[in-house]
């Protein structure tokens, strides 16, 4: 069994408003920017009617710093002003993980 160090997941669930102009470009920009942040581990995202993005971080300080990053703050403002009709954020500690891959 490999060593496992607990980490954190930020689960961002949302529905979009009718005004999504510029949303996809900003989402890509924010993903690229998040990847440059200290403590970033990874990201997974899916969007249909409801969008779910889960980003993974080494610790709570890394999450706090990302939330306060200046370009991310601008994107958050644009999101609440234009793009989202609803969102919900959950921050969870991941203490165990496993996966399956059919070959």
N, C-alpha and C. Protein backbone atom coordinates (compact mmCIF):
# COMPACT_ATOMS: atom_id res chain seq x y z
N UNK A 1 0.85 -1.19 0.00
CA UNK A 1 0.00 0.00 0.00
C UNK A 1 0.89 1.24 0.00
N UNK A 2 0.60 2.19 -0.86
CA UNK A 2 1.40 3.40 -0.96
C UNK A 2 1.11 4.35 0.20
N UNK A 3 2.09 5.20 0.50
CA UNK A 3 1.88 6.23 1.52
C UNK A 3 0.76 7.15 1.08
N UNK A 4 -0.07 7.53 2.02
CA UNK A 4 -1.17 8.44 1.70
C UNK A 4 -1.15 9.60 2.67
N UNK A 5 -1.10 10.79 2.13
CA UNK A 5 -1.14 12.00 2.94
C UNK A 5 -2.50 12.67 2.69
N UNK A 6 -3.30 12.90 3.73
CA UNK A 6 -4.59 13.57 3.54
C UNK A 6 -4.42 14.92 2.83
N UNK A 7 -5.43 15.29 2.08
CA UNK A 7 -5.44 16.56 1.36
C UNK A 7 -6.88 17.08 1.35
N UNK A 8 -7.11 18.18 0.69
CA UNK A 8 -8.43 18.81 0.71
C UNK A 8 -9.02 18.91 -0.69
N UNK A 9 -10.34 18.80 -0.75
CA UNK A 9 -11.09 18.96 -1.99
C UNK A 9 -12.05 20.13 -1.83
N UNK A 10 -12.05 21.02 -2.80
CA UNK A 10 -13.04 22.09 -2.87
C UNK A 10 -14.02 21.68 -3.96
N UNK A 11 -15.26 21.46 -3.56
CA UNK A 11 -16.30 21.03 -4.49
C UNK A 11 -17.18 22.23 -4.81
N UNK A 12 -17.14 22.66 -6.05
CA UNK A 12 -17.90 23.83 -6.51
C UNK A 12 -18.99 23.31 -7.44
N UNK A 13 -20.24 23.41 -6.99
CA UNK A 13 -21.39 22.97 -7.76
C UNK A 13 -22.18 24.20 -8.17
N UNK A 14 -22.63 24.25 -9.44
CA UNK A 14 -23.27 25.48 -9.90
C UNK A 14 -24.27 25.23 -11.03
N UNK A 15 -25.15 26.21 -11.21
CA UNK A 15 -25.98 26.29 -12.41
C UNK A 15 -25.71 27.66 -13.03
N UNK A 16 -25.70 27.67 -14.34
CA UNK A 16 -25.42 28.90 -15.06
C UNK A 16 -26.69 29.71 -15.33
N UNK A 17 -26.51 31.01 -15.44
CA UNK A 17 -27.60 31.89 -15.86
C UNK A 17 -27.68 31.83 -17.39
N UNK A 18 -28.51 32.65 -17.97
CA UNK A 18 -28.61 32.69 -19.43
C UNK A 18 -27.46 33.46 -20.05
N UNK A 19 -26.80 34.33 -19.30
CA UNK A 19 -25.69 35.13 -19.80
C UNK A 19 -24.37 34.43 -19.51
N UNK A 20 -23.85 33.69 -20.47
CA UNK A 20 -22.59 32.95 -20.27
C UNK A 20 -21.46 33.46 -21.16
N UNK A 21 -21.65 34.64 -21.73
CA UNK A 21 -20.61 35.19 -22.61
C UNK A 21 -19.29 35.33 -21.85
N UNK A 22 -18.25 34.71 -22.37
CA UNK A 22 -16.94 34.78 -21.76
C UNK A 22 -16.68 33.77 -20.67
N UNK A 23 -17.71 32.98 -20.31
CA UNK A 23 -17.58 32.03 -19.21
C UNK A 23 -16.54 30.94 -19.50
N UNK A 24 -16.63 30.30 -20.65
CA UNK A 24 -15.73 29.19 -20.97
C UNK A 24 -14.27 29.64 -20.98
N UNK A 25 -14.03 30.82 -21.55
CA UNK A 25 -12.67 31.34 -21.60
C UNK A 25 -12.13 31.60 -20.19
N UNK A 26 -12.98 32.17 -19.33
CA UNK A 26 -12.56 32.46 -17.97
C UNK A 26 -12.34 31.17 -17.18
N UNK A 27 -13.18 30.17 -17.40
CA UNK A 27 -13.01 28.89 -16.71
C UNK A 27 -11.66 28.27 -17.07
N UNK A 28 -11.29 28.32 -18.33
CA UNK A 28 -9.98 27.80 -18.76
C UNK A 28 -8.84 28.60 -18.14
N UNK A 29 -9.00 29.92 -18.13
CA UNK A 29 -7.97 30.79 -17.54
C UNK A 29 -7.80 30.49 -16.05
N UNK A 30 -8.92 30.31 -15.33
CA UNK A 30 -8.84 30.04 -13.90
C UNK A 30 -8.21 28.67 -13.63
N UNK A 31 -8.50 27.69 -14.47
CA UNK A 31 -7.86 26.39 -14.29
C UNK A 31 -6.35 26.50 -14.49
N UNK A 32 -5.93 27.20 -15.53
CA UNK A 32 -4.50 27.40 -15.77
C UNK A 32 -3.84 28.14 -14.61
N UNK A 33 -4.52 29.15 -14.09
CA UNK A 33 -3.99 29.94 -12.98
C UNK A 33 -3.93 29.11 -11.70
N UNK A 34 -4.95 28.31 -11.45
CA UNK A 34 -4.97 27.46 -10.25
C UNK A 34 -3.78 26.50 -10.26
N UNK A 35 -3.47 25.97 -11.43
CA UNK A 35 -2.35 25.03 -11.56
C UNK A 35 -1.01 25.65 -11.16
N UNK A 36 -0.93 26.97 -11.18
CA UNK A 36 0.31 27.68 -10.83
C UNK A 36 0.40 27.99 -9.34
N UNK A 37 -0.68 27.75 -8.59
CA UNK A 37 -0.73 28.13 -7.19
C UNK A 37 -0.02 27.12 -6.29
N UNK A 38 0.66 27.64 -5.29
CA UNK A 38 1.30 26.81 -4.28
C UNK A 38 0.25 25.92 -3.62
N UNK A 39 0.51 24.63 -3.53
CA UNK A 39 -0.40 23.72 -2.86
C UNK A 39 -1.46 23.08 -3.74
N UNK A 40 -1.51 23.47 -5.02
CA UNK A 40 -2.48 22.88 -5.94
C UNK A 40 -2.07 21.45 -6.27
N UNK A 41 -3.04 20.53 -6.28
CA UNK A 41 -2.77 19.14 -6.61
C UNK A 41 -3.40 18.74 -7.94
N UNK A 42 -4.66 19.13 -8.17
CA UNK A 42 -5.33 18.73 -9.40
C UNK A 42 -6.75 19.25 -9.47
N UNK A 43 -7.41 18.95 -10.60
CA UNK A 43 -8.78 19.43 -10.81
C UNK A 43 -9.53 18.46 -11.70
N UNK A 44 -10.84 18.33 -11.44
CA UNK A 44 -11.75 17.54 -12.27
C UNK A 44 -13.02 18.36 -12.44
N UNK A 45 -13.61 18.30 -13.64
CA UNK A 45 -14.78 19.14 -13.88
C UNK A 45 -15.71 18.47 -14.88
N UNK A 46 -17.02 18.70 -14.69
CA UNK A 46 -18.04 18.24 -15.62
C UNK A 46 -19.19 19.24 -15.61
N UNK A 47 -19.82 19.43 -16.78
CA UNK A 47 -20.94 20.36 -16.85
C UNK A 47 -22.00 19.81 -17.79
N UNK A 48 -23.20 19.72 -17.28
CA UNK A 48 -24.41 19.46 -18.07
C UNK A 48 -25.38 20.54 -17.61
N UNK A 49 -26.47 20.15 -16.98
CA UNK A 49 -27.40 21.11 -16.39
C UNK A 49 -26.75 21.73 -15.15
N UNK A 50 -26.13 20.87 -14.34
CA UNK A 50 -25.40 21.31 -13.16
C UNK A 50 -23.92 21.08 -13.42
N UNK A 51 -23.11 22.07 -13.07
CA UNK A 51 -21.67 21.92 -13.20
C UNK A 51 -21.05 21.55 -11.87
N UNK A 52 -20.06 20.68 -11.93
CA UNK A 52 -19.32 20.30 -10.73
C UNK A 52 -17.84 20.38 -11.05
N UNK A 53 -17.13 21.18 -10.28
CA UNK A 53 -15.68 21.25 -10.39
C UNK A 53 -15.11 20.93 -9.02
N UNK A 54 -14.19 19.99 -8.99
CA UNK A 54 -13.52 19.63 -7.74
C UNK A 54 -12.04 19.94 -7.92
N UNK A 55 -11.54 20.82 -7.08
CA UNK A 55 -10.10 21.10 -7.09
C UNK A 55 -9.50 20.53 -5.82
N UNK A 56 -8.25 20.09 -5.93
CA UNK A 56 -7.58 19.40 -4.84
C UNK A 56 -6.38 20.21 -4.38
N UNK A 57 -6.22 20.31 -3.06
CA UNK A 57 -5.21 21.19 -2.47
C UNK A 57 -4.50 20.49 -1.32
N UNK A 58 -3.24 20.84 -1.11
CA UNK A 58 -2.45 20.24 -0.05
C UNK A 58 -2.95 20.60 1.34
N UNK A 59 -3.46 21.83 1.52
CA UNK A 59 -3.87 22.27 2.85
C UNK A 59 -4.86 23.42 2.76
N UNK A 60 -5.42 23.79 3.92
CA UNK A 60 -6.42 24.86 3.96
C UNK A 60 -5.83 26.22 3.61
N UNK A 61 -4.56 26.46 3.95
CA UNK A 61 -3.94 27.74 3.59
C UNK A 61 -3.86 27.92 2.09
N UNK A 62 -3.56 26.84 1.36
CA UNK A 62 -3.51 26.91 -0.10
C UNK A 62 -4.88 27.29 -0.66
N UNK A 63 -5.94 26.73 -0.09
CA UNK A 63 -7.31 27.06 -0.52
C UNK A 63 -7.62 28.52 -0.24
N UNK A 64 -7.27 28.98 0.96
CA UNK A 64 -7.50 30.38 1.34
C UNK A 64 -6.76 31.32 0.40
N UNK A 65 -5.51 31.00 0.10
CA UNK A 65 -4.72 31.85 -0.80
C UNK A 65 -5.32 31.88 -2.21
N UNK A 66 -5.82 30.75 -2.69
CA UNK A 66 -6.46 30.71 -4.01
C UNK A 66 -7.73 31.55 -4.01
N UNK A 67 -8.53 31.44 -2.96
CA UNK A 67 -9.77 32.23 -2.88
C UNK A 67 -9.49 33.72 -2.94
N UNK A 68 -8.34 34.14 -2.40
CA UNK A 68 -7.99 35.57 -2.32
C UNK A 68 -7.10 36.03 -3.47
N UNK A 69 -6.74 35.16 -4.40
CA UNK A 69 -5.88 35.53 -5.53
C UNK A 69 -6.62 36.58 -6.37
N UNK A 70 -5.94 37.64 -6.77
CA UNK A 70 -6.60 38.81 -7.37
C UNK A 70 -7.38 38.49 -8.65
N UNK A 71 -6.82 37.73 -9.58
CA UNK A 71 -7.56 37.41 -10.80
C UNK A 71 -8.73 36.47 -10.50
N UNK A 72 -8.56 35.60 -9.52
CA UNK A 72 -9.66 34.72 -9.11
C UNK A 72 -10.78 35.54 -8.47
N UNK A 73 -10.43 36.55 -7.70
CA UNK A 73 -11.45 37.44 -7.11
C UNK A 73 -12.27 38.12 -8.21
N UNK A 74 -11.60 38.57 -9.28
CA UNK A 74 -12.31 39.20 -10.40
C UNK A 74 -13.26 38.20 -11.06
N UNK A 75 -12.81 36.96 -11.24
CA UNK A 75 -13.65 35.93 -11.85
C UNK A 75 -14.85 35.62 -10.94
N UNK A 76 -14.62 35.59 -9.62
CA UNK A 76 -15.72 35.35 -8.67
C UNK A 76 -16.77 36.45 -8.79
N UNK A 77 -16.33 37.69 -8.88
CA UNK A 77 -17.26 38.82 -9.01
C UNK A 77 -18.06 38.70 -10.31
N UNK A 78 -17.39 38.40 -11.41
CA UNK A 78 -18.07 38.24 -12.70
C UNK A 78 -19.06 37.08 -12.62
N UNK A 79 -18.68 36.02 -11.92
CA UNK A 79 -19.57 34.87 -11.77
C UNK A 79 -20.86 35.22 -11.07
N UNK A 80 -20.76 35.94 -9.94
CA UNK A 80 -21.98 36.29 -9.20
C UNK A 80 -22.78 37.37 -9.92
N UNK A 81 -22.10 38.23 -10.65
CA UNK A 81 -22.80 39.31 -11.37
C UNK A 81 -23.50 38.79 -12.63
N UNK A 82 -22.87 37.85 -13.33
CA UNK A 82 -23.37 37.47 -14.66
C UNK A 82 -23.62 35.98 -14.88
N UNK A 83 -22.66 35.13 -14.56
CA UNK A 83 -22.68 33.77 -15.06
C UNK A 83 -23.50 32.77 -14.25
N UNK A 84 -23.52 32.89 -12.94
CA UNK A 84 -24.17 31.87 -12.12
C UNK A 84 -25.55 32.31 -11.65
N UNK A 85 -26.50 31.37 -11.71
CA UNK A 85 -27.78 31.62 -11.08
C UNK A 85 -27.78 31.01 -9.67
N UNK A 86 -26.85 30.09 -9.43
CA UNK A 86 -26.71 29.44 -8.11
C UNK A 86 -25.35 28.76 -8.05
N UNK A 87 -24.76 28.74 -6.87
CA UNK A 87 -23.60 27.88 -6.64
C UNK A 87 -23.49 27.50 -5.17
N UNK A 88 -22.74 26.44 -4.94
CA UNK A 88 -22.54 25.92 -3.59
C UNK A 88 -21.10 25.43 -3.51
N UNK A 89 -20.40 25.79 -2.43
CA UNK A 89 -19.02 25.38 -2.24
C UNK A 89 -18.92 24.51 -1.00
N UNK A 90 -18.22 23.41 -1.13
CA UNK A 90 -17.95 22.52 0.00
C UNK A 90 -16.44 22.29 0.06
N UNK A 91 -15.89 22.32 1.25
CA UNK A 91 -14.47 22.04 1.44
C UNK A 91 -14.38 20.82 2.34
N UNK A 92 -13.72 19.79 1.83
CA UNK A 92 -13.68 18.49 2.50
C UNK A 92 -12.25 18.00 2.65
N UNK A 93 -11.99 17.32 3.72
CA UNK A 93 -10.70 16.68 3.91
C UNK A 93 -10.79 15.25 3.37
N UNK A 94 -9.87 14.91 2.49
CA UNK A 94 -9.82 13.57 1.91
C UNK A 94 -8.84 12.75 2.74
N UNK A 95 -9.36 11.74 3.40
CA UNK A 95 -8.53 10.92 4.28
C UNK A 95 -8.20 9.55 3.69
N UNK A 96 -8.90 9.19 2.63
CA UNK A 96 -8.66 7.91 1.99
C UNK A 96 -9.16 8.00 0.56
N UNK A 97 -8.54 7.24 -0.33
CA UNK A 97 -9.00 7.20 -1.71
C UNK A 97 -8.67 5.85 -2.31
N UNK A 98 -9.41 5.49 -3.36
CA UNK A 98 -9.11 4.30 -4.15
C UNK A 98 -9.79 4.47 -5.49
N UNK A 99 -9.36 3.69 -6.47
CA UNK A 99 -9.97 3.78 -7.79
C UNK A 99 -10.01 2.42 -8.44
N UNK A 100 -10.60 2.38 -9.62
CA UNK A 100 -10.75 1.16 -10.40
C UNK A 100 -10.45 1.52 -11.84
N UNK A 101 -9.75 0.67 -12.54
CA UNK A 101 -9.49 0.85 -13.96
C UNK A 101 -9.63 -0.50 -14.65
N UNK A 102 -10.60 -0.61 -15.54
CA UNK A 102 -10.79 -1.86 -16.29
C UNK A 102 -9.80 -1.86 -17.44
N UNK A 103 -9.07 -2.93 -17.58
CA UNK A 103 -8.08 -3.01 -18.67
C UNK A 103 -8.54 -3.96 -19.73
